[in-house]
Amino acid sequence: MTKMEPAKANVRIRLDQNSQEMVQWEVDLGYVPAIEDQQGKDVIVEWSFFGVDFGDKLWYSANGLQMMEKKLNHREQFTMHTNQTFSSNFYPITSALATRDQETDLQITVMNDRTQSGSAGLRGNNNIELMQHRRLLIDDSKGLSEPMDERDSKKRGI
């Protein structure tokens, strides 16, 4: 097995010149190593906000047309029993993810330029997470019927 160089990501943060309320966040992710330890990888960007309590509600755009309200660890159709609280609370985000502070009603919205998976409030009720990339070396039996293991010309996971 060959030794692979570590994964690299470039992050650019820009303050909007016209608004003190807008921050542009851009992530350029290199490749995702998963060969040496034979484990899949989820690459997530997490924003933590101090002094807020988002509670257990979030809103997300599943279809790009409207915001859907979700409550963490809850399903309208059935009583939810799970020990996989992270994976069962990530939702498809086509254009935005929002959450609100319970006391001040301050809303924080993250808008994305491509479909990603995301959640809010999973770690202490004060964070937003967006999955940047996922790499699996074996099929997880969740629909694709193949591993999610795309590689570049140098055989590195992309």
C-alpha atoms as a PDB file:
ATOM      1  CA  MET A   1       0.000   0.000   0.000  1.00  0.00           C
ATOM      2  CA  THR A   2       1.455   3.370  -0.964  1.00  0.00           C
ATOM      3  CA  LYS A   3       1.584   6.263   1.458  1.00  0.00           C
ATOM      4  CA  MET A   4      -0.764   9.036   0.340  1.00  0.00           C
ATOM      5  CA  GLU A   5      -0.239  12.710   1.074  1.00  0.00           C
ATOM      6  CA  PRO A   6      -2.769  14.291   3.461  1.00  0.00           C
ATOM      7  CA  ALA A   7      -6.010  15.810   2.192  1.00  0.00           C
ATOM      8  CA  LYS A   8      -6.041  19.521   1.472  1.00  0.00           C
ATOM      9  CA  ALA A   9      -8.764  22.141   1.479  1.00  0.00           C
ATOM     10  CA  ASN A  10      -8.679  25.840   0.732  1.00  0.00           C
ATOM     11  CA  VAL A  11     -11.163  28.047   2.521  1.00  0.00           C
ATOM     12  CA  ARG A  12     -11.879  31.632   1.484  1.00  0.00           C
ATOM     13  CA  ILE A  13     -13.951  33.961   3.623  1.00  0.00           C
ATOM     14  CA  ARG A  14     -15.089  37.314   2.242  1.00  0.00           C
ATOM     15  CA  LEU A  15     -17.066  40.036   3.960  1.00  0.00           C
ATOM     16  CA  ASP A  16     -19.709  41.561   1.726  1.00  0.00           C
ATOM     17  CA  GLN A  17     -18.799  45.188   0.960  1.00  0.00           C
ATOM     18  CA  ASN A  18     -22.463  46.261   0.898  1.00  0.00           C
ATOM     19  CA  SER A  19     -23.757  44.447   3.970  1.00  0.00           C
ATOM     20  CA  GLN A  20     -22.414  43.812   7.448  1.00  0.00           C
ATOM     21  CA  GLU A  21     -24.767  40.846   7.690  1.00  0.00           C
ATOM     22  CA  MET A  22     -23.392  38.843   4.741  1.00  0.00           C
ATOM     23  CA  VAL A  23     -20.303  36.638   4.733  1.00  0.00           C
ATOM     24  CA  GLN A  24     -19.223  34.623   1.700  1.00  0.00           C
ATOM     25  CA  TRP A  25     -17.647  31.269   2.556  1.00  0.00           C
ATOM     26  CA  GLU A  26     -16.029  29.178  -0.161  1.00  0.00           C
ATOM     27  CA  VAL A  27     -14.463  25.745   0.272  1.00  0.00           C
ATOM     28  CA  ASP A  28     -12.277  24.135  -2.398  1.00  0.00           C
ATOM     29  CA  LEU A  29     -11.730  20.567  -1.308  1.00  0.00           C
ATOM     30  CA  GLY A  30      -8.885  18.532  -2.741  1.00  0.00           C
ATOM     31  CA  TYR A  31      -9.222  14.778  -2.503  1.00  0.00           C
ATOM     32  CA  VAL A  32     -10.535  12.668   0.340  1.00  0.00           C
ATOM     33  CA  PRO A  33      -8.154   9.914   1.484  1.00  0.00           C
ATOM     34  CA  ALA A  34      -9.775   6.697   2.632  1.00  0.00           C
ATOM     35  CA  ILE A  35      -7.456   3.938   1.463  1.00  0.00           C
ATOM     36  CA  GLU A  36      -4.980   3.420   4.313  1.00  0.00           C
ATOM     37  CA  ASP A  37      -7.510   2.935   7.090  1.00  0.00           C
ATOM     38  CA  GLN A  38     -10.176   1.336   4.842  1.00  0.00           C
ATOM     39  CA  GLN A  39     -12.810   3.662   6.329  1.00  0.00           C
ATOM     40  CA  GLY A  40     -15.234   5.925   4.506  1.00  0.00           C
ATOM     41  CA  LYS A  41     -15.050   9.658   5.137  1.00  0.00           C
ATOM     42  CA  ASP A  42     -17.592  12.454   5.510  1.00  0.00           C
ATOM     43  CA  VAL A  43     -16.137  15.946   5.115  1.00  0.00           C
ATOM     44  CA  ILE A  44     -18.294  18.499   6.940  1.00  0.00           C
ATOM     45  CA  VAL A  45     -18.006  22.258   7.400  1.00  0.00           C
ATOM     46  CA  GLU A  46     -19.408  23.303  10.747  1.00  0.00           C
ATOM     47  CA  TRP A  47     -20.265  26.802  11.886  1.00  0.00           C
ATOM     48  CA  SER A  48     -20.679  27.274  15.648  1.00  0.00           C
ATOM     49  CA  PHE A  49     -22.446  30.335  17.036  1.00  0.00           C
ATOM     50  CA  PHE A  50     -21.901  31.303  20.648  1.00  0.00           C
ATOM     51  CA  GLY A  51     -24.634  32.746  22.842  1.00  0.00           C
ATOM     52  CA  VAL A  52     -27.527  31.297  20.826  1.00  0.00           C
ATOM     53  CA  ASP A  53     -29.863  28.348  21.306  1.00  0.00           C
ATOM     54  CA  PHE A  54     -31.355  27.006  18.090  1.00  0.00           C
ATOM     55  CA  GLY A  55     -33.372  24.389  19.926  1.00  0.00           C
ATOM     56  CA  ASP A  56     -34.482  21.471  17.787  1.00  0.00           C
ATOM     57  CA  LYS A  57     -35.952  23.213  14.708  1.00  0.00           C
ATOM     58  CA  LEU A  58     -34.434  23.969  11.329  1.00  0.00           C
ATOM     59  CA  TRP A  59     -35.693  24.934   7.896  1.00  0.00           C
ATOM     60  CA  TYR A  60     -34.209  23.635   4.658  1.00  0.00           C
ATOM     61  CA  SER A  61     -34.857  23.892   0.942  1.00  0.00           C
ATOM     62  CA  ALA A  62     -35.436  20.366  -0.316  1.00  0.00           C
ATOM     63  CA  ASN A  63     -36.681  21.412  -3.727  1.00  0.00           C
ATOM     64  CA  GLY A  64     -35.390  24.968  -4.222  1.00  0.00           C
ATOM     65  CA  LEU A  65     -38.935  26.368  -4.065  1.00  0.00           C
ATOM     66  CA  GLN A  66     -39.896  26.410  -0.395  1.00  0.00           C
ATOM     67  CA  MET A  67     -38.401  26.001   3.055  1.00  0.00           C
ATOM     68  CA  MET A  68     -39.394  22.830   4.915  1.00  0.00           C
ATOM     69  CA  GLU A  69     -39.507  22.887   8.718  1.00  0.00           C
ATOM     70  CA  LYS A  70     -37.953  19.942  10.559  1.00  0.00           C
ATOM     71  CA  LYS A  71     -37.639  19.070  14.201  1.00  0.00           C
ATOM     72  CA  LEU A  72     -34.558  17.095  15.224  1.00  0.00           C
ATOM     73  CA  ASN A  73     -35.144  13.431  16.134  1.00  0.00           C
ATOM     74  CA  HIS A  74     -38.813  13.658  15.165  1.00  0.00           C
ATOM     75  CA  ARG A  75     -40.965  12.372  12.299  1.00  0.00           C
ATOM     76  CA  GLU A  76     -44.596  13.327  11.706  1.00  0.00           C
ATOM     77  CA  GLN A  77     -45.479   9.946  10.196  1.00  0.00           C
ATOM     78  CA  PHE A  78     -44.156   7.676  12.964  1.00  0.00           C
ATOM     79  CA  THR A  79     -42.540   7.583  16.393  1.00  0.00           C
ATOM     80  CA  MET A  80     -38.811   7.770  15.822  1.00  0.00           C
ATOM     81  CA  HIS A  81     -36.486   5.431  17.723  1.00  0.00           C
ATOM     82  CA  THR A  82     -32.850   5.575  16.635  1.00  0.00           C
ATOM     83  CA  ASN A  83     -29.331   5.623  17.963  1.00  0.00           C
ATOM     84  CA  GLN A  84     -28.061   7.268  14.746  1.00  0.00           C
ATOM     85  CA  THR A  85     -28.978  10.834  15.667  1.00  0.00           C
ATOM     86  CA  PHE A  86     -26.500  12.447  13.272  1.00  0.00           C
ATOM     87  CA  SER A  87     -27.283  10.562  10.063  1.00  0.00           C
ATOM     88  CA  SER A  88     -31.037  10.595  10.686  1.00  0.00           C
ATOM     89  CA  ASN A  89     -31.024  14.393  11.065  1.00  0.00           C
ATOM     90  CA  PHE A  90     -29.129  15.355   7.895  1.00  0.00           C
ATOM     91  CA  TYR A  91     -31.377  16.583   5.101  1.00  0.00           C
ATOM     92  CA  PRO A  92     -30.898  17.392   1.398  1.00  0.00           C
ATOM     93  CA  ILE A  93     -30.116  21.122   1.067  1.00  0.00           C
ATOM     94  CA  THR A  94     -30.639  22.403  -2.470  1.00  0.00           C
ATOM     95  CA  SER A  95     -30.292  26.145  -1.815  1.00  0.00           C
ATOM     96  CA  ALA A  96     -30.494  27.104   1.893  1.00  0.00           C
ATOM     97  CA  LEU A  97     -30.544  25.964   5.511  1.00  0.00           C
ATOM     98  CA  ALA A  98     -31.870  28.226   8.272  1.00  0.00           C
ATOM     99  CA  THR A  99     -32.320  28.127  12.010  1.00  0.00           C
ATOM    100  CA  ARG A 100     -33.444  30.607  14.686  1.00  0.00           C
ATOM    101  CA  ASP A 101     -32.419  31.450  18.213  1.00  0.00           C
ATOM    102  CA  GLN A 102     -35.308  30.527  20.502  1.00  0.00           C
ATOM    103  CA  GLU A 103     -35.000  33.601  22.719  1.00  0.00           C
ATOM    104  CA  THR A 104     -34.092  36.476  20.377  1.00  0.00           C
ATOM    105  CA  ASP A 105     -35.595  35.099  17.121  1.00  0.00           C
ATOM    106  CA  LEU A 106     -32.239  35.836  15.407  1.00  0.00           C
ATOM    107  CA  GLN A 107     -32.197  33.808  12.190  1.00  0.00           C
ATOM    108  CA  ILE A 108     -29.043  32.470  10.560  1.00  0.00           C
ATOM    109  CA  THR A 109     -29.293  31.239   6.986  1.00  0.00           C
ATOM    110  CA  VAL A 110     -26.574  29.454   5.022  1.00  0.00           C
ATOM    111  CA  MET A 111     -27.115  29.479   1.264  1.00  0.00           C
ATOM    112  CA  ASN A 112     -25.262  26.985  -0.899  1.00  0.00           C
ATOM    113  CA  ASP A 113     -24.503  26.900  -4.612  1.00  0.00           C
ATOM    114  CA  ARG A 114     -24.856  23.124  -5.013  1.00  0.00           C
ATOM    115  CA  THR A 115     -26.925  20.394  -3.419  1.00  0.00           C
ATOM    116  CA  GLN A 116     -25.429  19.190  -0.156  1.00  0.00           C
ATOM    117  CA  SER A 117     -26.550  17.443   2.982  1.00  0.00           C
ATOM    118  CA  GLY A 118     -26.950  19.524   6.123  1.00  0.00           C
ATOM    119  CA  SER A 119     -28.316  19.946   9.610  1.00  0.00           C
ATOM    120  CA  ALA A 120     -28.466  22.413  12.486  1.00  0.00           C
ATOM    121  CA  GLY A 121     -28.343  22.146  16.250  1.00  0.00           C
ATOM    122  CA  LEU A 122     -26.850  18.662  16.449  1.00  0.00           C
ATOM    123  CA  ARG A 123     -23.916  19.630  18.671  1.00  0.00           C
ATOM    124  CA  GLY A 124     -25.145  21.742  21.551  1.00  0.00           C
ATOM    125  CA  ASN A 125     -28.031  23.504  19.756  1.00  0.00           C
ATOM    126  CA  ASN A 126     -25.742  26.212  18.363  1.00  0.00           C
ATOM    127  CA  ASN A 127     -24.315  24.986  15.071  1.00  0.00           C
ATOM    128  CA  ILE A 128     -24.987  24.525  11.360  1.00  0.00           C
ATOM    129  CA  GLU A 129     -23.306  21.734   9.389  1.00  0.00           C
ATOM    130  CA  LEU A 130     -23.023  21.153   5.641  1.00  0.00           C
ATOM    131  CA  MET A 131     -21.507  18.002   4.196  1.00  0.00           C
ATOM    132  CA  GLN A 132     -18.956  18.953   1.530  1.00  0.00           C
ATOM    133  CA  HIS A 133     -18.106  15.470   0.349  1.00  0.00           C
ATOM    134  CA  ARG A 134     -18.605  11.809   1.168  1.00  0.00           C
ATOM    135  CA  ARG A 135     -16.436   8.876   0.165  1.00  0.00           C
ATOM    136  CA  LEU A 136     -17.332   5.242   0.868  1.00  0.00           C
ATOM    137  CA  LEU A 137     -15.131   2.290  -0.078  1.00  0.00           C
ATOM    138  CA  ILE A 138     -17.923  -0.279   0.153  1.00  0.00           C
ATOM    139  CA  ASP A 139     -21.596  -0.161  -0.779  1.00  0.00           C
ATOM    140  CA  ASP A 140     -23.659   1.032   2.193  1.00  0.00           C
ATOM    141  CA  SER A 141     -26.821  -0.733   0.906  1.00  0.00           C
ATOM    142  CA  LYS A 142     -28.714   2.573   0.859  1.00  0.00           C
ATOM    143  CA  GLY A 143     -29.636   2.771  -2.820  1.00  0.00           C
ATOM    144  CA  LEU A 144     -26.685   3.226  -5.198  1.00  0.00           C
ATOM    145  CA  SER A 145     -25.684  -0.465  -5.175  1.00  0.00           C
ATOM    146  CA  GLU A 146     -22.048   0.577  -5.520  1.00  0.00           C
ATOM    147  CA  PRO A 147     -19.439   2.348  -3.384  1.00  0.00           C
ATOM    148  CA  MET A 148     -19.157   6.141  -3.594  1.00  0.00           C
ATOM    149  CA  ASP A 149     -15.483   6.022  -4.508  1.00  0.00           C
ATOM    150  CA  GLU A 150     -14.794   8.391  -7.400  1.00  0.00           C
ATOM    151  CA  ARG A 151     -11.118   8.962  -8.201  1.00  0.00           C
ATOM    152  CA  ASP A 152      -9.039  11.438 -10.168  1.00  0.00           C
ATOM    153  CA  SER A 153      -6.351  10.586 -12.746  1.00  0.00           C
ATOM    154  CA  LYS A 154      -3.837   9.997  -9.919  1.00  0.00           C
ATOM    155  CA  LYS A 155      -6.221   7.486  -8.254  1.00  0.00           C
ATOM    156  CA  ARG A 156      -7.009   9.888  -5.386  1.00  0.00           C
ATOM    157  CA  GLY A 157     -10.559  10.040  -4.051  1.00  0.00           C
ATOM    158  CA  ILE A 158     -12.464  13.096  -5.227  1.00  0.00           C
END
